[in-house]
C-alpha atoms as a PDB file:
ATOM      1  CA  MET A   1      23.115  44.199  -0.435  1.00  0.00           C
ATOM      2  CA  GLY A   2      22.385  45.704  -3.895  1.00  0.00           C
ATOM      3  CA  SER A   3      19.531  47.788  -4.779  1.00  0.00           C
ATOM      4  CA  PHE A   4      16.709  46.874  -6.821  1.00  0.00           C
ATOM      5  CA  SER A   5      15.391  48.510 -10.002  1.00  0.00           C
ATOM      6  CA  ILE A   6      11.640  49.527 -10.339  1.00  0.00           C
ATOM      7  CA  LYS A   7      11.059  46.679 -13.162  1.00  0.00           C
ATOM      8  CA  GLU A   8      13.066  44.416 -10.515  1.00  0.00           C
ATOM      9  CA  MET A   9      10.690  45.269  -7.677  1.00  0.00           C
ATOM     10  CA  ILE A  10       7.519  45.130  -9.578  1.00  0.00           C
ATOM     11  CA  ASN A  11       8.714  41.418 -10.770  1.00  0.00           C
ATOM     12  CA  ILE A  12       9.223  40.243  -7.086  1.00  0.00           C
ATOM     13  CA  HIS A  13       6.031  42.327  -5.802  1.00  0.00           C
ATOM     14  CA  PRO A  14       3.596  39.388  -4.045  1.00  0.00           C
ATOM     15  CA  MET A  15       0.890  39.974  -6.293  1.00  0.00           C
ATOM     16  CA  ASN A  16       3.234  38.754  -9.186  1.00  0.00           C
ATOM     17  CA  VAL A  17       4.371  35.253  -7.370  1.00  0.00           C
ATOM     18  CA  LYS A  18       2.257  32.401  -8.500  1.00  0.00           C
ATOM     19  CA  LYS A  19       0.646  30.715  -5.719  1.00  0.00           C
ATOM     20  CA  ALA A  20       0.697  26.947  -4.824  1.00  0.00           C
ATOM     21  CA  ILE A  21      -2.407  25.519  -6.113  1.00  0.00           C
ATOM     22  CA  CYS A  22      -4.033  22.123  -4.944  1.00  0.00           C
ATOM     23  CA  PRO A  23      -5.392  20.154  -7.884  1.00  0.00           C
ATOM     24  CA  PRO A  24      -8.407  17.606  -7.254  1.00  0.00           C
ATOM     25  CA  PHE A  25      -7.523  14.581  -5.868  1.00  0.00           C
ATOM     26  CA  SER A  26      -7.202  11.005  -8.768  1.00  0.00           C
ATOM     27  CA  LEU A  27      -5.779   7.857  -8.362  1.00  0.00           C
ATOM     28  CA  GLN A  28      -3.421   8.468 -10.801  1.00  0.00           C
ATOM     29  CA  ALA A  29      -0.882  11.804 -11.380  1.00  0.00           C
ATOM     30  CA  GLU A  30       1.491  12.979 -13.828  1.00  0.00           C
ATOM     31  CA  MET A  31       4.145  14.741 -11.951  1.00  0.00           C
ATOM     32  CA  ASN A  32       8.112  15.406 -11.493  1.00  0.00           C
ATOM     33  CA  PHE A  33       9.550  13.540  -8.686  1.00  0.00           C
ATOM     34  CA  MET A  34      13.472  13.683  -8.365  1.00  0.00           C
ATOM     35  CA  GLY A  35      13.816  15.845 -11.493  1.00  0.00           C
ATOM     36  CA  GLN A  36      12.069  12.893 -13.514  1.00  0.00           C
ATOM     37  CA  ASP A  37       8.556  13.160 -15.314  1.00  0.00           C
ATOM     38  CA  CYS A  38       6.757  10.491 -13.645  1.00  0.00           C
ATOM     39  CA  ILE A  39       3.310   9.055 -13.656  1.00  0.00           C
ATOM     40  CA  VAL A  40       2.418   7.710  -9.837  1.00  0.00           C
ATOM     41  CA  THR A  41      -1.085   4.883  -9.148  1.00  0.00           C
ATOM     42  CA  ASP A  42      -2.171   4.915  -5.651  1.00  0.00           C
ATOM     43  CA  LEU A  43      -2.062   1.908  -4.636  1.00  0.00           C
ATOM     44  CA  SER A  44      -4.205   1.886  -1.570  1.00  0.00           C
ATOM     45  CA  HIS A  45      -7.914   1.690  -0.420  1.00  0.00           C
ATOM     46  CA  THR A  46      -9.475   4.787   1.444  1.00  0.00           C
ATOM     47  CA  ILE A  47      -9.965   3.820   5.023  1.00  0.00           C
ATOM     48  CA  SER A  48     -13.421   4.112   6.216  1.00  0.00           C
ATOM     49  CA  MET A  49     -15.936   2.115   8.729  1.00  0.00           C
ATOM     50  CA  ASP A  50     -17.266   0.254   5.708  1.00  0.00           C
ATOM     51  CA  ASP A  51     -13.792  -1.905   5.312  1.00  0.00           C
ATOM     52  CA  PRO A  52     -13.803  -5.585   5.061  1.00  0.00           C
ATOM     53  CA  THR A  53     -12.716  -6.778   7.899  1.00  0.00           C
ATOM     54  CA  PHE A  54     -11.159 -10.599   9.024  1.00  0.00           C
ATOM     55  CA  ILE A  55     -12.776 -12.302  11.537  1.00  0.00           C
ATOM     56  CA  GLY A  56     -11.408 -11.442  14.699  1.00  0.00           C
ATOM     57  CA  HIS A  57      -9.586  -8.328  13.792  1.00  0.00           C
ATOM     58  CA  GLN A  58     -10.735  -5.246  15.153  1.00  0.00           C
ATOM     59  CA  ARG A  59     -13.418  -2.947  13.018  1.00  0.00           C
ATOM     60  CA  THR A  60     -12.358   0.370  11.545  1.00  0.00           C
ATOM     61  CA  LEU A  61     -14.220   3.269  13.669  1.00  0.00           C
ATOM     62  CA  ILE A  62     -14.025   6.650  12.737  1.00  0.00           C
ATOM     63  CA  TRP A  63     -15.830   9.799  14.474  1.00  0.00           C
ATOM     64  CA  ASN A  64     -15.890  13.571  14.702  1.00  0.00           C
ATOM     65  CA  HIS A  65     -14.100  14.042  17.879  1.00  0.00           C
ATOM     66  CA  LEU A  66     -14.292  17.860  17.899  1.00  0.00           C
ATOM     67  CA  SER A  67     -15.924  20.287  15.633  1.00  0.00           C
ATOM     68  CA  HIS A  68     -15.285  23.906  14.366  1.00  0.00           C
ATOM     69  CA  GLU A  69     -18.390  25.132  16.469  1.00  0.00           C
ATOM     70  CA  GLU A  70     -16.628  23.457  19.672  1.00  0.00           C
ATOM     71  CA  THR A  71     -13.673  24.629  19.501  1.00  0.00           C
ATOM     72  CA  ILE A  72     -14.820  28.197  19.530  1.00  0.00           C
ATOM     73  CA  GLU A  73     -17.453  27.697  22.358  1.00  0.00           C
ATOM     74  CA  MET A  74     -14.514  25.567  24.286  1.00  0.00           C
ATOM     75  CA  GLY A  75     -12.459  28.617  24.054  1.00  0.00           C
ATOM     76  CA  LEU A  76      -9.703  26.711  22.254  1.00  0.00           C
ATOM     77  CA  THR A  77     -10.187  29.350  19.147  1.00  0.00           C
ATOM     78  CA  LYS A  78     -11.320  32.535  18.453  1.00  0.00           C
ATOM     79  CA  ALA A  79     -13.462  33.336  15.368  1.00  0.00           C
ATOM     80  CA  PRO A  80     -13.586  33.396  12.542  1.00  0.00           C
ATOM     81  CA  TYR A  81     -10.526  30.393  13.208  1.00  0.00           C
ATOM     82  CA  SER A  82     -11.482  27.110  14.584  1.00  0.00           C
ATOM     83  CA  TYR A  83     -10.665  23.674  13.585  1.00  0.00           C
ATOM     84  CA  LYS A  84     -11.876  20.059  13.353  1.00  0.00           C
ATOM     85  CA  VAL A  85     -10.377  16.928  15.008  1.00  0.00           C
ATOM     86  CA  VAL A  86     -11.327  13.137  13.910  1.00  0.00           C
ATOM     87  CA  GLY A  87     -10.712  10.243  15.849  1.00  0.00           C
ATOM     88  CA  PHE A  88     -10.324   6.680  14.733  1.00  0.00           C
ATOM     89  CA  THR A  89      -9.381   3.176  15.888  1.00  0.00           C
ATOM     90  CA  MET A  90      -8.147   0.315  14.017  1.00  0.00           C
ATOM     91  CA  CYS A  91      -6.516  -3.066  13.427  1.00  0.00           C
ATOM     92  CA  ASP A  92      -2.944  -2.880  12.366  1.00  0.00           C
ATOM     93  CA  HIS A  93      -4.010  -5.671   9.753  1.00  0.00           C
ATOM     94  CA  SER A  94      -7.102  -3.279   8.489  1.00  0.00           C
ATOM     95  CA  ASN A  95      -7.554  -2.050   4.870  1.00  0.00           C
ATOM     96  CA  THR A  96      -3.871  -1.810   2.598  1.00  0.00           C
ATOM     97  CA  HIS A  97      -1.166  -3.157   5.114  1.00  0.00           C
ATOM     98  CA  VAL A  98       1.622  -4.869   5.287  1.00  0.00           C
ATOM     99  CA  ASP A  99       2.597  -7.642   7.741  1.00  0.00           C
ATOM    100  CA  ALA A 100       5.711  -7.426  10.158  1.00  0.00           C
ATOM    101  CA  ILE A 101       7.869 -10.483  10.991  1.00  0.00           C
ATOM    102  CA  ASN A 102       6.336 -10.687  14.614  1.00  0.00           C
ATOM    103  CA  HIS A 103       3.018 -11.279  12.829  1.00  0.00           C
ATOM    104  CA  VAL A 104       3.976 -14.951  11.952  1.00  0.00           C
ATOM    105  CA  VAL A 105       7.073 -15.417  14.228  1.00  0.00           C
ATOM    106  CA  ASN A 106       6.441 -16.399  17.896  1.00  0.00           C
ATOM    107  CA  GLU A 107       9.845 -15.312  18.709  1.00  0.00           C
ATOM    108  CA  PRO A 108      10.594 -12.705  21.305  1.00  0.00           C
ATOM    109  CA  ASP A 109      13.137 -11.305  18.810  1.00  0.00           C
ATOM    110  CA  ALA A 110      10.825 -11.312  15.717  1.00  0.00           C
ATOM    111  CA  ARG A 111      11.084  -7.694  14.350  1.00  0.00           C
ATOM    112  CA  ALA A 112       7.890  -5.614  14.811  1.00  0.00           C
ATOM    113  CA  ILE A 113       6.881  -2.841  12.272  1.00  0.00           C
ATOM    114  CA  HIS A 114       8.713  -0.065  13.749  1.00  0.00           C
ATOM    115  CA  GLN A 115      11.997  -1.966  13.351  1.00  0.00           C
ATOM    116  CA  LEU A 116      11.853  -2.923   9.946  1.00  0.00           C
ATOM    117  CA  PRO A 117      14.106  -1.067   7.378  1.00  0.00           C
ATOM    118  CA  LEU A 118      13.156   1.601   5.340  1.00  0.00           C
ATOM    119  CA  GLU A 119      14.701  -0.331   2.197  1.00  0.00           C
ATOM    120  CA  TRP A 120      11.955  -2.476   2.181  1.00  0.00           C
ATOM    121  CA  PHE A 121       9.181   0.066   1.636  1.00  0.00           C
ATOM    122  CA  MET A 122      11.100   2.180  -0.803  1.00  0.00           C
ATOM    123  CA  THR A 123      12.163   0.133  -3.471  1.00  0.00           C
ATOM    124  CA  SER A 124      12.359  -1.307  -6.982  1.00  0.00           C
ATOM    125  CA  GLY A 125       8.952  -3.268  -7.869  1.00  0.00           C
ATOM    126  CA  VAL A 126       7.308  -5.397 -10.757  1.00  0.00           C
ATOM    127  CA  TRP A 127       3.461  -6.436 -11.230  1.00  0.00           C
ATOM    128  CA  PHE A 128       1.670  -9.810 -13.077  1.00  0.00           C
ATOM    129  CA  ASP A 129      -1.433 -10.199 -14.337  1.00  0.00           C
ATOM    130  CA  PHE A 130      -3.263 -13.414 -12.579  1.00  0.00           C
ATOM    131  CA  SER A 131      -6.646 -12.112 -13.104  1.00  0.00           C
ATOM    132  CA  HIS A 132      -7.865 -15.017 -14.956  1.00  0.00           C
ATOM    133  CA  LYS A 133      -7.109 -17.660 -12.582  1.00  0.00           C
ATOM    134  CA  GLU A 134     -10.040 -19.823 -11.044  1.00  0.00           C
ATOM    135  CA  PRO A 135     -11.573 -18.837  -7.537  1.00  0.00           C
ATOM    136  CA  GLN A 136      -9.645 -20.357  -4.525  1.00  0.00           C
ATOM    137  CA  SER A 137      -7.142 -21.529  -7.218  1.00  0.00           C
ATOM    138  CA  TYR A 138      -3.405 -21.320  -6.706  1.00  0.00           C
ATOM    139  CA  ILE A 139      -0.573 -19.347  -8.364  1.00  0.00           C
ATOM    140  CA  THR A 140       2.250 -21.665  -9.026  1.00  0.00           C
ATOM    141  CA  GLN A 141       5.470 -21.293 -10.020  1.00  0.00           C
ATOM    142  CA  ILE A 142       4.917 -21.828 -13.752  1.00  0.00           C
ATOM    143  CA  ASP A 143       2.911 -19.121 -13.343  1.00  0.00           C
ATOM    144  CA  ILE A 144       5.305 -16.691 -12.516  1.00  0.00           C
ATOM    145  CA  GLU A 145       7.394 -18.009 -14.917  1.00  0.00           C
ATOM    146  CA  ASP A 146       4.992 -17.601 -17.670  1.00  0.00           C
ATOM    147  CA  ALA A 147       4.337 -13.821 -16.455  1.00  0.00           C
ATOM    148  CA  ILE A 148       8.201 -12.817 -16.329  1.00  0.00           C
ATOM    149  CA  ALA A 149       8.383 -14.110 -19.687  1.00  0.00           C
ATOM    150  CA  LYS A 150       5.459 -12.597 -20.945  1.00  0.00           C
ATOM    151  CA  THR A 151       6.200  -8.892 -19.406  1.00  0.00           C
ATOM    152  CA  GLY A 152      10.152  -9.092 -19.916  1.00  0.00           C
ATOM    153  CA  VAL A 153      10.828  -7.740 -16.525  1.00  0.00           C
ATOM    154  CA  HIS A 154      13.668  -8.554 -14.319  1.00  0.00           C
ATOM    155  CA  ILE A 155      13.440  -9.117 -10.895  1.00  0.00           C
ATOM    156  CA  GLN A 156      15.816  -6.606  -9.199  1.00  0.00           C
ATOM    157  CA  PRO A 157      17.556  -7.606  -5.392  1.00  0.00           C
ATOM    158  CA  GLN A 158      15.587  -6.617  -2.518  1.00  0.00           C
ATOM    159  CA  SER A 159      12.516  -5.939  -4.611  1.00  0.00           C
ATOM    160  CA  ILE A 160       8.797  -6.003  -4.779  1.00  0.00           C
ATOM    161  CA  ALA A 161       6.200  -7.968  -6.612  1.00  0.00           C
ATOM    162  CA  LEU A 162       2.689  -7.439  -7.007  1.00  0.00           C
ATOM    163  CA  ILE A 163       0.033  -9.958  -7.851  1.00  0.00           C
ATOM    164  CA  TYR A 164      -3.068  -8.616  -9.402  1.00  0.00           C
ATOM    165  CA  THR A 165      -6.110 -10.808  -9.471  1.00  0.00           C
ATOM    166  CA  GLY A 166      -8.794  -8.404  -9.947  1.00  0.00           C
ATOM    167  CA  TRP A 167     -10.256  -9.037  -6.498  1.00  0.00           C
ATOM    168  CA  TYR A 168     -10.002  -5.402  -5.238  1.00  0.00           C
ATOM    169  CA  LYS A 169     -12.753  -4.620  -7.389  1.00  0.00           C
ATOM    170  CA  LYS A 170     -15.198  -6.200  -4.872  1.00  0.00           C
ATOM    171  CA  TRP A 171     -13.919  -3.987  -2.004  1.00  0.00           C
ATOM    172  CA  LYS A 172     -17.274  -2.737  -1.865  1.00  0.00           C
ATOM    173  CA  GLN A 173     -18.922  -6.113  -1.502  1.00  0.00           C
ATOM    174  CA  PRO A 174     -17.257  -6.895   1.564  1.00  0.00           C
ATOM    175  CA  SER A 175     -19.255 -10.515   1.646  1.00  0.00           C
ATOM    176  CA  GLU A 176     -17.719 -11.093  -1.837  1.00  0.00           C
ATOM    177  CA  TYR A 177     -14.491  -9.482  -1.154  1.00  0.00           C
ATOM    178  CA  VAL A 178     -13.342 -11.453   1.707  1.00  0.00           C
ATOM    179  CA  LYS A 179     -13.943 -15.394  -0.096  1.00  0.00           C
ATOM    180  CA  ASN A 180     -12.790 -17.484  -2.988  1.00  0.00           C
ATOM    181  CA  TYR A 181      -9.970 -15.209  -3.904  1.00  0.00           C
ATOM    182  CA  PRO A 182      -6.595 -17.154  -5.692  1.00  0.00           C
ATOM    183  CA  GLY A 183      -3.618 -16.719  -3.713  1.00  0.00           C
ATOM    184  CA  LEU A 184       0.453 -17.780  -3.900  1.00  0.00           C
ATOM    185  CA  ASP A 185       1.518 -21.328  -3.232  1.00  0.00           C
ATOM    186  CA  ARG A 186       4.618 -22.173  -1.752  1.00  0.00           C
ATOM    187  CA  SER A 187       6.607 -22.665  -5.272  1.00  0.00           C
ATOM    188  CA  ALA A 188       5.443 -19.334  -6.296  1.00  0.00           C
ATOM    189  CA  MET A 189       6.330 -17.508  -2.995  1.00  0.00           C
ATOM    190  CA  GLU A 190       9.729 -19.290  -2.791  1.00  0.00           C
ATOM    191  CA  TYR A 191      10.825 -18.936  -6.114  1.00  0.00           C
ATOM    192  CA  LEU A 192       9.797 -14.978  -6.100  1.00  0.00           C
ATOM    193  CA  ASN A 193      12.621 -14.716  -2.982  1.00  0.00           C
ATOM    194  CA  ASP A 194      14.920 -17.032  -5.149  1.00  0.00           C
ATOM    195  CA  LEU A 195      14.661 -14.587  -7.698  1.00  0.00           C
ATOM    196  CA  GLY A 196      15.583 -11.855  -5.276  1.00  0.00           C
ATOM    197  CA  VAL A 197      11.869 -10.575  -4.020  1.00  0.00           C
ATOM    198  CA  ILE A 198      11.777  -9.365   0.228  1.00  0.00           C
ATOM    199  CA  SER A 199       8.066  -8.332  -0.162  1.00  0.00           C
ATOM    200  CA  VAL A 200       5.020  -9.572  -1.917  1.00  0.00           C
ATOM    201  CA  GLY A 201       1.609  -7.763  -2.211  1.00  0.00           C
ATOM    202  CA  ALA A 202      -1.797  -8.550  -3.264  1.00  0.00           C
ATOM    203  CA  ASP A 203      -5.183  -6.866  -4.189  1.00  0.00           C
ATOM    204  CA  ALA A 204      -6.795  -9.724  -2.279  1.00  0.00           C
ATOM    205  CA  PRO A 205      -7.264 -10.057   1.559  1.00  0.00           C
ATOM    206  CA  SER A 206      -4.311 -12.253   1.484  1.00  0.00           C
ATOM    207  CA  ILE A 207      -1.282 -13.585  -0.213  1.00  0.00           C
ATOM    208  CA  ASP A 208      -2.728 -16.581  -0.040  1.00  0.00           C
ATOM    209  CA  SER A 209      -5.415 -18.769  -1.572  1.00  0.00           C
ATOM    210  CA  TYR A 210      -8.878 -18.690   0.113  1.00  0.00           C
ATOM    211  CA  TYR A 211      -9.101 -22.287   0.299  1.00  0.00           C
ATOM    212  CA  GLU A 212      -5.783 -21.934   2.189  1.00  0.00           C
ATOM    213  CA  VAL A 213      -7.325 -19.243   4.904  1.00  0.00           C
ATOM    214  CA  ALA A 214     -10.911 -20.916   5.236  1.00  0.00           C
ATOM    215  CA  ALA A 215     -10.241 -24.598   4.772  1.00  0.00           C
ATOM    216  CA  ARG A 216      -6.454 -25.749   5.115  1.00  0.00           C
ATOM    217  CA  LYS A 217      -5.944 -23.082   7.340  1.00  0.00           C
ATOM    218  CA  GLU A 218      -2.016 -23.737   6.597  1.00  0.00           C
ATOM    219  CA  GLN A 219      -1.716 -20.324   4.758  1.00  0.00           C
ATOM    220  CA  PRO A 220       1.969 -21.745   2.680  1.00  0.00           C
ATOM    221  CA  ALA A 221       2.681 -18.294   1.130  1.00  0.00           C
ATOM    222  CA  HIS A 222       2.663 -16.896   4.985  1.00  0.00           C
ATOM    223  CA  ILE A 223       4.829 -19.675   5.960  1.00  0.00           C
ATOM    224  CA  VAL A 224       7.670 -18.969   3.617  1.00  0.00           C
ATOM    225  CA  CYS A 225       7.697 -15.662   4.895  1.00  0.00           C
ATOM    226  CA  ARG A 226       7.745 -16.648   8.164  1.00  0.00           C
ATOM    227  CA  GLU A 227      10.638 -19.194   7.640  1.00  0.00           C
ATOM    228  CA  ARG A 228      12.815 -16.674   5.310  1.00  0.00           C
ATOM    229  CA  GLU A 229      12.047 -13.291   7.133  1.00  0.00           C
ATOM    230  CA  ILE A 230      10.408 -11.833   4.184  1.00  0.00           C
ATOM    231  CA  LEU A 231       7.035  -9.228   4.015  1.00  0.00           C
ATOM    232  CA  ASN A 232       3.924  -9.520   2.636  1.00  0.00           C
ATOM    233  CA  MET A 233       1.203  -6.948   2.019  1.00  0.00           C
ATOM    234  CA  GLU A 234      -2.611  -7.252   1.386  1.00  0.00           C
ATOM    235  CA  ASN A 235      -5.814  -5.444   0.183  1.00  0.00           C
ATOM    236  CA  LEU A 236      -3.553  -3.749  -2.639  1.00  0.00           C
ATOM    237  CA  ALA A 237      -5.697  -1.631  -5.020  1.00  0.00           C
ATOM    238  CA  HIS A 238      -5.054  -0.071  -8.564  1.00  0.00           C
ATOM    239  CA  ILE A 239      -2.416  -2.701  -9.293  1.00  0.00           C
ATOM    240  CA  ASP A 240      -3.664  -2.970 -12.939  1.00  0.00           C
ATOM    241  CA  LYS A 241      -3.403   1.026 -13.348  1.00  0.00           C
ATOM    242  CA  ILE A 242       0.306   0.878 -12.960  1.00  0.00           C
ATOM    243  CA  SER A 243       1.834   1.941 -16.416  1.00  0.00           C
ATOM    244  CA  ALA A 244       4.324  -0.452 -16.644  1.00  0.00           C
ATOM    245  CA  HIS A 245       4.956  -3.783 -15.267  1.00  0.00           C
ATOM    246  CA  ALA A 246       8.482  -2.548 -13.944  1.00  0.00           C
ATOM    247  CA  PHE A 247       8.129   0.585 -11.259  1.00  0.00           C
ATOM    248  CA  TRP A 248       9.418   1.933  -8.124  1.00  0.00           C
ATOM    249  CA  PHE A 249       7.742   1.656  -4.957  1.00  0.00           C
ATOM    250  CA  ILE A 250       6.985   3.574  -1.764  1.00  0.00           C
ATOM    251  CA  GLY A 251       4.622   2.254   0.795  1.00  0.00           C
ATOM    252  CA  LEU A 252       5.825   3.394   4.457  1.00  0.00           C
ATOM    253  CA  PRO A 253       3.914   1.740   7.218  1.00  0.00           C
ATOM    254  CA  LEU A 254       3.263   3.869  10.523  1.00  0.00           C
ATOM    255  CA  LYS A 255       5.596   3.565  13.262  1.00  0.00           C
ATOM    256  CA  ILE A 256       3.594   1.617  15.528  1.00  0.00           C
ATOM    257  CA  LYS A 257       5.823   0.499  18.567  1.00  0.00           C
ATOM    258  CA  GLY A 258       5.492  -3.205  18.894  1.00  0.00           C
ATOM    259  CA  GLY A 259       3.008  -3.348  15.826  1.00  0.00           C
ATOM    260  CA  SER A 260       2.668  -6.804  14.023  1.00  0.00           C
ATOM    261  CA  GLY A 261       1.985  -4.786  10.592  1.00  0.00           C
ATOM    262  CA  SER A 262       0.471  -1.393   9.697  1.00  0.00           C
ATOM    263  CA  PRO A 263      -1.935   0.150   7.147  1.00  0.00           C
ATOM    264  CA  PHE A 264      -0.263   2.462   4.593  1.00  0.00           C
ATOM    265  CA  ARG A 265      -0.496   4.875   1.485  1.00  0.00           C
ATOM    266  CA  GLY A 266       1.031   2.663  -1.420  1.00  0.00           C
ATOM    267  CA  LEU A 267       2.285   4.461  -4.788  1.00  0.00           C
ATOM    268  CA  ALA A 268       3.756   2.831  -8.216  1.00  0.00           C
ATOM    269  CA  ILE A 269       5.899   5.574  -9.614  1.00  0.00           C
ATOM    270  CA  VAL A 270       7.106   5.203 -13.371  1.00  0.00           C
ATOM    271  CA  THR A 271       9.284   7.314 -15.319  1.00  0.00           C
ATOM    272  CA  LYS A 272       8.120   8.557 -18.641  1.00  0.00           C
ATOM    273  CA  LYS A 273      10.238   8.299 -21.697  1.00  0.00           C
END
């Protein structure tokens, strides 16, 4: 190995090395991702015990399982070093989550969440604004056609489509959030899939209209997912903050063996031009 000059040694001294910094949390961040300057938007709610929960689903519980003081008292660490552990339990359909195939298909070989392909959770996406739709109303194929014409997006094969209704803004009002939201009808769901969409997400408790969930109890958008083996994502957030109507999506579920769904941290990535 060659020798270093004094100047070179000074330049590599640890005191001259820039330290990594931890920026403050933000729902949207500008960063360089895979060599591209991008705007990244967080599409998930924060998991907490106040989360709205469907009737029959387990509520989310979070507790301080082990404190810094306890780790020292139990002899697990020696001061000044210590650590904290938080425990939690929740339904696989809590918070921002994705449904697995076995959630809606009652067959032994219906795929659980740990069996679904990575390609379904890392793909191109589009989003449409349906915040003008009336409560309990339906988003139809005609609505989708109009939205595509308005935004000028091209739906890619094996992509996702996100539906912005504005309902996520009611998240901190659980009694309001869990009712009256609009949703897709069968024609809209089939049309999106015909165009290449393999996963549809909404910023509401369901991709179906509340009228379907509470009154008719048939949920045609979910039925299309069952018939065509496609996915749906629910309780998304901040879709309207995505800086372009076409983007890249990343939202990896937990690898729960046999799980019928999973919470996930969703991201929309838009390349800066």
